[in-house]
Amino acid sequence: MKTINLSIDSRKRISLSKLLPDLPVSSVRAYVDGEKIILEPMVEVPAREAWLYQNEQALNKVKAGLSEQGNVKRGSFAKYAED
C-alpha cells in the first residue's frame, strides 16, 4: 500500500494529483469511518453504455470476445501483395 502525506491548504483542501497521476478518474467517492476518510477513485460510464454493465450475460460475451483477440488464425495474405 502506498502512503503519502498531503498538505492541507488554508481552505482545508488537499490535492490528490500525487496519488492518481495515471488513472482515468472522473470522481472520488468518500467514506467516513470514525476519524478515517477513505477515498475510492471512480470512473463514470456514459448512459448509452451503462446497459452493458447491467446485463451480466452480454458483459461476459464481450469479455470472452476480448480475451480471444489475437488468437484468430487468418492465414497468409501474401497472394494479395503487389510486387
C-alpha atoms as a PDB file:
ATOM      1  CA  MET A   1       0.000   0.000   0.000  1.00  0.00           C
ATOM      2  CA  LYS A   2       1.271   3.443  -0.968  1.00  0.00           C
ATOM      3  CA  THR A   3       1.344   6.135   1.743  1.00  0.00           C
ATOM      4  CA  ILE A   4       1.884   9.833   1.029  1.00  0.00           C
ATOM      5  CA  ASN A   5       1.486  12.791   3.383  1.00  0.00           C
ATOM      6  CA  LEU A   6      -0.646  15.512   1.790  1.00  0.00           C
ATOM      7  CA  SER A   7      -0.686  19.122   2.963  1.00  0.00           C
ATOM      8  CA  ILE A   8      -3.963  20.884   3.683  1.00  0.00           C
ATOM      9  CA  ASP A   9      -4.255  24.418   2.302  1.00  0.00           C
ATOM     10  CA  SER A  10      -5.858  27.403   4.068  1.00  0.00           C
ATOM     11  CA  ARG A  11      -9.308  26.383   2.781  1.00  0.00           C
ATOM     12  CA  LYS A  12      -8.891  22.809   4.129  1.00  0.00           C
ATOM     13  CA  ARG A  13      -8.353  21.276   0.658  1.00  0.00           C
ATOM     14  CA  ILE A  14      -5.895  18.615  -0.455  1.00  0.00           C
ATOM     15  CA  SER A  15      -4.649  17.732  -3.930  1.00  0.00           C
ATOM     16  CA  LEU A  16      -4.884  14.088  -4.969  1.00  0.00           C
ATOM     17  CA  SER A  17      -2.735  14.545  -8.078  1.00  0.00           C
ATOM     18  CA  LYS A  18       0.214  12.762  -6.425  1.00  0.00           C
ATOM     19  CA  LEU A  19      -1.972   9.718  -5.755  1.00  0.00           C
ATOM     20  CA  LEU A  20      -3.847   9.481  -9.071  1.00  0.00           C
ATOM     21  CA  PRO A  21      -1.416  10.600 -11.797  1.00  0.00           C
ATOM     22  CA  ASP A  22      -2.034   7.782 -14.320  1.00  0.00           C
ATOM     23  CA  LEU A  23      -5.609   6.773 -13.551  1.00  0.00           C
ATOM     24  CA  PRO A  24      -8.561   7.931 -15.687  1.00  0.00           C
ATOM     25  CA  VAL A  25     -10.506   9.068 -12.622  1.00  0.00           C
ATOM     26  CA  SER A  26     -13.520  11.353 -13.080  1.00  0.00           C
ATOM     27  CA  SER A  27     -14.687  11.485  -9.462  1.00  0.00           C
ATOM     28  CA  VAL A  28     -13.915  10.164  -5.977  1.00  0.00           C
ATOM     29  CA  ARG A  29     -16.317   8.508  -3.529  1.00  0.00           C
ATOM     30  CA  ALA A  30     -15.560   9.283   0.112  1.00  0.00           C
ATOM     31  CA  TYR A  31     -16.324   7.023   3.066  1.00  0.00           C
ATOM     32  CA  VAL A  32     -16.046   8.259   6.645  1.00  0.00           C
ATOM     33  CA  ASP A  33     -15.311   5.654   9.320  1.00  0.00           C
ATOM     34  CA  GLY A  34     -14.817   7.353  12.669  1.00  0.00           C
ATOM     35  CA  GLU A  35     -11.777   9.574  12.149  1.00  0.00           C
ATOM     36  CA  LYS A  36     -10.696   7.842   8.930  1.00  0.00           C
ATOM     37  CA  ILE A  37     -11.585   9.123   5.477  1.00  0.00           C
ATOM     38  CA  ILE A  38     -11.376   6.519   2.723  1.00  0.00           C
ATOM     39  CA  LEU A  39     -11.342   7.724  -0.888  1.00  0.00           C
ATOM     40  CA  GLU A  40     -12.321   5.419  -3.746  1.00  0.00           C
ATOM     41  CA  PRO A  41     -11.494   6.546  -7.315  1.00  0.00           C
ATOM     42  CA  MET A  42     -14.483   6.326  -9.665  1.00  0.00           C
ATOM     43  CA  VAL A  43     -14.851   6.281 -13.441  1.00  0.00           C
ATOM     44  CA  GLU A  44     -18.152   7.353 -14.942  1.00  0.00           C
ATOM     45  CA  VAL A  45     -19.759   5.350 -17.737  1.00  0.00           C
ATOM     46  CA  PRO A  46     -21.830   7.089 -20.426  1.00  0.00           C
ATOM     47  CA  ALA A  47     -25.584   6.344 -20.107  1.00  0.00           C
ATOM     48  CA  ARG A  48     -25.689   4.707 -23.551  1.00  0.00           C
ATOM     49  CA  GLU A  49     -23.074   2.150 -22.354  1.00  0.00           C
ATOM     50  CA  ALA A  50     -24.459   1.523 -18.853  1.00  0.00           C
ATOM     51  CA  TRP A  51     -26.787  -1.257 -20.097  1.00  0.00           C
ATOM     52  CA  LEU A  52     -23.763  -3.462 -20.784  1.00  0.00           C
ATOM     53  CA  TYR A  53     -22.674  -3.386 -17.132  1.00  0.00           C
ATOM     54  CA  GLN A  54     -26.246  -4.109 -16.032  1.00  0.00           C
ATOM     55  CA  ASN A  55     -26.546  -7.143 -18.359  1.00  0.00           C
ATOM     56  CA  GLU A  56     -24.191  -9.804 -16.995  1.00  0.00           C
ATOM     57  CA  GLN A  57     -24.688 -12.183 -19.935  1.00  0.00           C
ATOM     58  CA  ALA A  58     -23.820  -9.506 -22.520  1.00  0.00           C
ATOM     59  CA  LEU A  59     -20.823  -8.339 -20.467  1.00  0.00           C
ATOM     60  CA  ASN A  60     -19.487 -11.911 -20.243  1.00  0.00           C
ATOM     61  CA  LYS A  61     -19.790 -12.273 -24.034  1.00  0.00           C
ATOM     62  CA  VAL A  62     -17.847  -9.049 -24.574  1.00  0.00           C
ATOM     63  CA  LYS A  63     -15.146 -10.163 -22.119  1.00  0.00           C
ATOM     64  CA  ALA A  64     -14.896 -13.552 -23.859  1.00  0.00           C
ATOM     65  CA  GLY A  65     -14.577 -11.868 -27.239  1.00  0.00           C
ATOM     66  CA  LEU A  66     -11.871  -9.548 -25.987  1.00  0.00           C
ATOM     67  CA  SER A  67      -9.924 -12.459 -24.493  1.00  0.00           C
ATOM     68  CA  GLU A  68      -9.890 -14.143 -27.942  1.00  0.00           C
ATOM     69  CA  GLN A  69      -8.255 -11.104 -29.521  1.00  0.00           C
ATOM     70  CA  GLY A  70      -5.034 -12.108 -31.236  1.00  0.00           C
ATOM     71  CA  ASN A  71      -5.846 -15.833 -31.200  1.00  0.00           C
ATOM     72  CA  VAL A  72      -7.535 -15.912 -34.616  1.00  0.00           C
ATOM     73  CA  LYS A  73      -5.526 -17.564 -37.433  1.00  0.00           C
ATOM     74  CA  ARG A  74      -6.068 -15.536 -40.595  1.00  0.00           C
ATOM     75  CA  GLY A  75      -3.507 -17.294 -42.790  1.00  0.00           C
ATOM     76  CA  SER A  76      -1.209 -15.590 -45.257  1.00  0.00           C
ATOM     77  CA  PHE A  77      -2.169 -12.519 -47.250  1.00  0.00           C
ATOM     78  CA  ALA A  78       0.968 -12.796 -49.404  1.00  0.00           C
ATOM     79  CA  LYS A  79      -1.025 -13.593 -52.557  1.00  0.00           C
ATOM     80  CA  TYR A  80      -2.681 -10.151 -52.333  1.00  0.00           C
ATOM     81  CA  ALA A  81       0.602  -8.259 -52.040  1.00  0.00           C
ATOM     82  CA  GLU A  82       1.755  -6.373 -55.109  1.00  0.00           C
ATOM     83  CA  ASP A  83       5.393  -6.563 -56.159  1.00  0.00           C
END
